[in-house]
Amino acid sequence: MRVAELYKDAVQRLQAADVSEPEIETALLLGHVLRLGRTQLLLAADLIVSQADGDSFARLLARRLQREPLAYILGEREFWSRSFLVNRDVLIPRPETELLVERALARLKGTPAARGPLLDLGTGSGIIAIVLALELPEAMVYAIDRSRAALEVACANARRHGVADRIRFVASDWLAGIGNRPFFEAVLSNPPYVPQEILRSSGPSAEALQPEVLNYEPHLALDGGTAGLETIDRLGRDIPAVLRPGGWVFMEIGAEQADVVSDMFSRPGSRFADLAVTADYAGFPRIFEARFGRADSL
């Protein structure tokens, strides 16, 4: 069968399965099997696909038709214009998290805090810690995750991008293994913030998540407990113990959580100031930030 015929058939089947962007996904799957880039694939429309490659493509397409995420099928995902290894032990990187890194870099670059140490809480595939190390070449970065399987992926990515010597990976239940001393210039986190009832429901509330997320991505990295706020509340209480005065916290949050999270970080006795929320590319409040220290001392 020719490339063009395989492509057309796969697009139709993905459309029928309600997969978004079927043309793009088919091209990526075919390109992966045939080891061709997008432009090369277009020029190879009349190429006859071998039986072996056709069988390989059929197996990958079958997985995608079951709504397994494309990133897991290919084993990698682009973030910050770089390729990162991913598997089912880690969340798939998303554009919103690039905004989290952008906000942190905007605050840190050109300041003494850019040398760190910096902390990535719940590192997953390591994308946040690794980009910080790449963009802030003098910084020492710590990256924590309670999943050892996720840390294996993160370590592999750090080696892949040449920054393994400047990132210390720690297996810990959030800050439990760090100790209580003001050590970090900034803490970044993309914590679990999906309400637990959505993840555990098979009814209408579960429809808030795509099957790719609900059925394949690690719930450990998604489940934020009641209203999706339990982990965020815990971090809001624990982070002050490890932040230096004047240090920053940057956190990705749910689209409807901005007001509640701001209240958590401004509760009586809180030493956070300069609270702000940045909208994502769809216009939803997404990135929370705050500076630690009494307002009159900043």
Protein backbone atom coordinates (compact mmCIF):
# COMPACT_ATOMS: atom_id res chain seq x y z
CA MET A 1 0.00 0.00 0.00
CA ARG A 2 1.20 3.51 -0.77
CA VAL A 3 1.91 6.11 1.92
CA ALA A 4 -0.97 8.28 0.68
CA GLU A 5 -3.44 5.40 0.98
CA LEU A 6 -2.28 4.48 4.48
CA TYR A 7 -2.49 8.13 5.50
CA LYS A 8 -6.04 8.62 4.17
CA ASP A 9 -7.34 5.44 5.79
CA ALA A 10 -5.76 6.24 9.16
CA VAL A 11 -7.13 9.79 9.20
CA GLN A 12 -10.64 8.50 8.59
CA ARG A 13 -10.34 5.92 11.35
CA LEU A 14 -9.01 8.45 13.86
CA GLN A 15 -11.80 10.87 12.96
CA ALA A 16 -14.35 8.11 13.59
CA ALA A 17 -12.75 7.49 16.99
CA ASP A 18 -13.14 11.20 17.85
CA VAL A 19 -9.40 11.78 18.06
CA SER A 20 -8.53 15.45 17.72
CA GLU A 21 -6.17 16.60 14.95
CA PRO A 22 -6.24 13.25 13.10
CA GLU A 23 -4.22 14.56 10.16
CA ILE A 24 -1.35 15.71 12.36
CA GLU A 25 -1.39 12.57 14.48
CA THR A 26 -1.42 10.29 11.45
CA ALA A 27 1.54 12.13 9.97
CA LEU A 28 3.47 11.79 13.23
CA LEU A 29 2.72 8.08 13.52
CA LEU A 30 3.62 7.39 9.89
CA GLY A 31 6.73 9.53 10.10
CA HIS A 32 7.80 7.66 13.23
CA VAL A 33 7.44 4.27 11.55
CA LEU A 34 9.02 5.31 8.25
CA ARG A 35 11.65 7.51 9.93
CA LEU A 36 10.60 10.50 7.86
CA GLY A 37 9.99 14.12 8.82
CA ARG A 38 6.77 15.95 7.92
CA THR A 39 8.18 17.40 4.68
CA GLN A 40 9.77 14.11 3.67
CA LEU A 41 6.47 12.35 4.29
CA LEU A 42 4.64 14.71 1.94
CA LEU A 43 7.18 14.00 -0.77
CA ALA A 44 6.84 10.25 -0.22
CA ALA A 45 3.10 10.03 -0.97
CA ASP A 46 3.64 7.42 -3.70
CA LEU A 47 6.16 5.37 -1.75
CA ILE A 48 5.17 1.71 -1.34
CA VAL A 49 5.22 0.82 2.37
CA SER A 50 6.88 -2.49 3.22
CA GLN A 51 4.92 -5.24 4.95
CA ALA A 52 7.01 -4.84 8.10
CA ASP A 53 6.47 -1.07 8.27
CA GLY A 54 2.80 -1.48 7.46
CA ASP A 55 2.39 -3.94 10.32
CA SER A 56 4.26 -1.64 12.70
CA PHE A 57 2.05 1.28 11.73
CA ALA A 58 -1.09 -0.83 12.18
CA ARG A 59 -0.03 -1.73 15.72
CA LEU A 60 0.63 1.88 16.67
CA LEU A 61 -2.60 3.07 15.07
CA ALA A 62 -4.55 0.43 17.00
CA ARG A 63 -3.14 1.82 20.25
CA ARG A 64 -4.13 5.36 19.29
CA LEU A 65 -7.63 4.20 18.35
CA GLN A 66 -7.91 2.96 21.93
CA ARG A 67 -7.16 6.58 22.91
CA GLU A 68 -3.70 5.88 24.25
CA PRO A 69 -1.91 9.25 24.10
CA LEU A 70 0.30 9.81 21.10
CA ALA A 71 3.19 10.86 23.34
CA TYR A 72 3.20 7.51 25.11
CA ILE A 73 3.07 5.65 21.81
CA LEU A 74 6.01 7.61 20.42
CA GLY A 75 7.83 7.68 23.76
CA GLU A 76 8.56 11.40 23.68
CA ARG A 77 6.99 14.84 23.75
CA GLU A 78 8.26 18.29 22.83
CA PHE A 79 8.56 20.90 25.58
CA TRP A 80 10.47 24.18 25.40
CA SER A 81 11.40 23.24 21.80
CA ARG A 82 13.22 20.15 23.07
CA SER A 83 12.31 16.48 23.05
CA PHE A 84 11.69 14.75 26.38
CA LEU A 85 11.22 11.06 27.07
CA VAL A 86 7.82 10.13 28.50
CA ASN A 87 6.01 6.97 29.51
CA ARG A 88 2.96 6.10 31.58
CA ASP A 89 4.84 6.81 34.82
CA VAL A 90 4.80 10.56 34.11
CA LEU A 91 2.37 13.22 32.98
CA ILE A 92 2.65 14.33 29.38
CA PRO A 93 4.15 17.85 29.20
CA ARG A 94 1.67 20.57 28.30
CA PRO A 95 1.97 24.14 26.99
CA GLU A 96 0.56 25.55 30.24
CA THR A 97 3.62 24.33 32.09
CA GLU A 98 5.85 26.28 29.71
CA LEU A 99 4.07 29.36 31.01
CA LEU A 100 4.99 28.33 34.57
CA VAL A 101 8.65 28.22 33.59
CA GLU A 102 8.35 31.52 31.71
CA ARG A 103 7.00 33.29 34.79
CA ALA A 104 9.80 31.93 36.95
CA LEU A 105 12.50 32.92 34.48
CA ALA A 106 10.99 36.40 34.17
CA ARG A 107 11.39 36.85 37.93
CA LEU A 108 14.75 35.14 38.38
CA LYS A 109 16.91 35.94 35.35
CA GLY A 110 19.39 38.72 36.00
CA THR A 111 19.03 38.48 39.78
CA PRO A 112 21.22 36.79 42.42
CA ALA A 113 18.42 34.26 42.88
CA ALA A 114 19.17 32.88 39.41
CA ARG A 115 22.10 30.99 40.93
CA GLY A 116 19.67 29.05 43.09
CA PRO A 117 19.24 26.72 44.71
CA LEU A 118 15.86 26.17 43.07
CA LEU A 119 13.30 23.45 43.79
CA ASP A 120 10.93 21.61 41.44
CA LEU A 121 8.24 19.87 43.51
CA GLY A 122 6.63 16.88 41.82
CA THR A 123 9.12 16.82 38.96
CA GLY A 124 7.58 13.95 36.96
CA SER A 125 9.49 13.75 33.67
CA GLY A 126 11.85 16.48 34.92
CA ILE A 127 10.88 19.11 32.36
CA ILE A 128 10.71 22.04 34.80
CA ALA A 129 13.99 21.29 36.55
CA ILE A 130 15.79 20.58 33.29
CA VAL A 131 14.65 23.78 31.56
CA LEU A 132 15.64 25.79 34.63
CA ALA A 133 19.10 24.23 34.51
CA LEU A 134 19.38 24.94 30.78
CA GLU A 135 18.18 28.55 31.01
CA LEU A 136 20.02 29.40 34.25
CA PRO A 137 23.47 27.86 33.72
CA GLU A 138 24.77 28.83 37.17
CA ALA A 139 21.80 27.41 39.06
CA MET A 140 21.74 24.30 41.21
CA VAL A 141 18.33 22.66 40.97
CA TYR A 142 16.65 20.13 43.24
CA ALA A 143 13.83 17.97 41.88
CA ILE A 144 11.49 15.96 44.10
CA ASP A 145 9.00 13.23 43.29
CA ARG A 146 7.46 10.47 45.39
CA SER A 147 7.39 8.14 42.37
CA ARG A 148 10.73 6.41 41.84
CA ALA A 149 9.56 5.32 38.39
CA ALA A 150 9.00 8.97 37.47
CA LEU A 151 12.43 9.89 38.81
CA GLU A 152 14.00 7.30 36.49
CA VAL A 153 12.42 9.10 33.54
CA ALA A 154 13.52 12.49 34.87
CA CYS A 155 17.11 11.31 35.35
CA ALA A 156 17.18 9.94 31.79
CA ASN A 157 15.94 13.28 30.48
CA ALA A 158 18.54 15.20 32.50
CA ARG A 159 21.29 13.05 30.98
CA ARG A 160 19.77 13.51 27.54
CA HIS A 161 19.98 17.30 27.86
CA GLY A 162 23.38 17.42 29.54
CA VAL A 163 22.36 18.86 32.91
CA ALA A 164 22.42 15.79 35.17
CA ASP A 165 25.39 17.22 37.08
CA ARG A 166 23.36 20.27 38.19
CA ILE A 167 20.12 18.61 39.22
CA ARG A 168 19.76 16.64 42.42
CA PHE A 169 16.84 14.22 42.19
CA VAL A 170 15.22 13.26 45.49
CA ALA A 171 12.60 10.60 46.21
CA SER A 172 10.31 12.17 48.80
CA ASP A 173 6.67 12.68 49.71
CA TRP A 174 6.72 16.35 48.79
CA LEU A 175 8.87 18.23 51.33
CA ALA A 176 9.08 15.42 53.90
CA GLY A 177 12.63 14.51 52.87
CA ILE A 178 14.01 18.04 52.58
CA GLY A 179 14.01 19.30 56.16
CA ASN A 180 12.80 22.60 57.54
CA ARG A 181 15.40 25.22 56.76
CA PRO A 182 15.18 28.26 54.47
CA PHE A 183 17.33 27.05 51.61
CA PHE A 184 15.66 27.76 48.25
CA GLU A 185 15.41 30.96 46.22
CA ALA A 186 12.33 29.68 44.38
CA VAL A 187 9.97 26.72 44.45
CA LEU A 188 8.13 25.66 41.30
CA SER A 189 5.40 23.06 41.15
CA ASN A 190 2.80 21.59 38.85
CA PRO A 191 0.97 19.74 41.64
CA PRO A 192 -2.05 17.44 41.35
CA TYR A 193 -5.09 19.72 41.04
CA VAL A 194 -7.82 17.62 39.42
CA PRO A 195 -10.75 17.07 41.82
CA GLN A 196 -10.77 13.50 43.06
CA GLU A 197 -14.43 13.00 42.23
CA ILE A 198 -13.71 13.57 38.53
CA LEU A 199 -11.01 10.91 38.45
CA ARG A 200 -13.11 8.36 40.31
CA SER A 201 -16.36 8.92 38.49
CA SER A 202 -17.57 7.04 35.45
CA GLY A 203 -20.52 9.39 35.02
CA PRO A 204 -20.91 12.87 33.52
CA SER A 205 -18.29 14.50 35.76
CA ALA A 206 -15.62 12.23 34.27
CA GLU A 207 -16.35 13.76 30.88
CA ALA A 208 -14.38 16.81 31.99
CA LEU A 209 -11.27 14.78 31.13
CA GLN A 210 -10.31 13.26 27.81
CA PRO A 211 -10.01 9.44 27.77
CA GLU A 212 -6.29 9.90 27.12
CA VAL A 213 -5.95 11.57 30.52
CA LEU A 214 -8.49 9.61 32.52
CA ASN A 215 -7.44 6.16 31.35
CA TYR A 216 -3.70 6.47 30.74
CA GLU A 217 -1.96 9.27 32.64
CA PRO A 218 -0.85 8.56 36.24
CA HIS A 219 -3.60 9.47 38.70
CA LEU A 220 -0.95 9.98 41.37
CA ALA A 221 0.11 13.10 39.47
CA LEU A 222 -3.47 14.26 38.84
CA ASP A 223 -5.47 13.57 42.00
CA GLY A 224 -5.71 16.78 44.02
CA GLY A 225 -8.17 15.37 46.54
CA THR A 226 -11.35 17.19 47.48
CA ALA A 227 -11.98 20.02 45.01
CA GLY A 228 -8.46 19.42 43.70
CA LEU A 229 -6.97 21.60 46.43
CA GLU A 230 -5.58 19.26 49.09
CA THR A 231 -2.02 19.12 47.77
CA ILE A 232 -1.94 22.83 47.00
CA ASP A 233 -3.11 23.62 50.54
CA ARG A 234 -0.42 21.34 51.98
CA LEU A 235 2.28 22.97 49.90
CA GLY A 236 1.07 26.44 50.86
CA ARG A 237 1.60 25.52 54.51
CA ASP A 238 4.90 23.68 54.06
CA ILE A 239 6.78 25.74 51.47
CA PRO A 240 7.52 28.69 53.84
CA ALA A 241 9.79 26.40 55.85
CA VAL A 242 12.17 25.95 52.91
CA LEU A 243 12.03 29.35 51.15
CA ARG A 244 14.55 32.05 51.84
CA PRO A 245 13.13 35.50 52.66
CA GLY A 246 12.24 37.15 49.38
CA GLY A 247 12.05 33.80 47.61
CA TRP A 248 9.34 32.99 45.09
CA VAL A 249 6.76 30.26 44.68
CA PHE A 250 5.33 29.49 41.23
CA MET A 251 2.51 27.00 40.88
CA GLU A 252 0.28 25.71 38.11
CA ILE A 253 -3.36 25.57 39.25
CA GLY A 254 -6.78 24.56 37.96
CA ALA A 255 -8.80 26.96 35.83
CA GLU A 256 -11.29 27.70 38.63
CA GLN A 257 -8.92 27.68 41.60
CA ALA A 258 -7.26 31.10 41.47
CA ASP A 259 -9.35 32.80 44.15
CA VAL A 260 -9.16 29.90 46.59
CA VAL A 261 -5.42 29.46 46.12
CA SER A 262 -4.85 33.19 46.62
CA ASP A 263 -6.83 32.97 49.86
CA MET A 264 -4.68 30.04 51.00
CA PHE A 265 -1.50 32.02 50.51
CA SER A 266 -2.88 35.14 52.21
CA ARG A 267 -4.42 33.45 55.27
CA PRO A 268 -3.82 35.14 58.66
CA GLY A 269 -0.18 34.86 59.62
CA SER A 270 0.94 34.25 56.06
CA ARG A 271 4.20 35.87 55.04
CA PHE A 272 3.48 35.81 51.32
CA ALA A 273 3.09 39.02 49.33
CA ASP A 274 3.02 40.13 45.69
CA LEU A 275 0.43 37.48 44.86
CA ALA A 276 -0.42 37.29 41.15
CA VAL A 277 -2.12 34.95 38.71
CA THR A 278 -1.29 34.68 35.00
CA ALA A 279 -3.79 33.40 32.45
CA ASP A 280 -2.93 30.57 30.10
CA TYR A 281 -3.18 30.70 26.31
CA ALA A 282 -6.90 29.94 26.48
CA GLY A 283 -7.51 32.80 28.89
CA PHE A 284 -7.96 30.69 32.04
CA PRO A 285 -6.20 31.66 35.30
CA ARG A 286 -3.37 29.14 35.40
CA ILE A 287 -0.10 30.23 37.00
CA PHE A 288 -0.04 31.43 40.60
CA GLU A 289 2.97 33.21 42.01
CA ALA A 290 3.85 34.83 45.32
CA ARG A 291 6.90 36.18 47.09
CA PHE A 292 7.83 35.04 50.56
CA GLY A 293 8.56 37.56 53.29
CA ARG A 294 6.67 40.27 55.08
CA ALA A 295 5.22 42.81 52.67
CA ASP A 296 6.90 45.72 54.44
CA SER A 297 10.30 44.05 54.11
CA LEU A 298 10.21 43.39 50.36
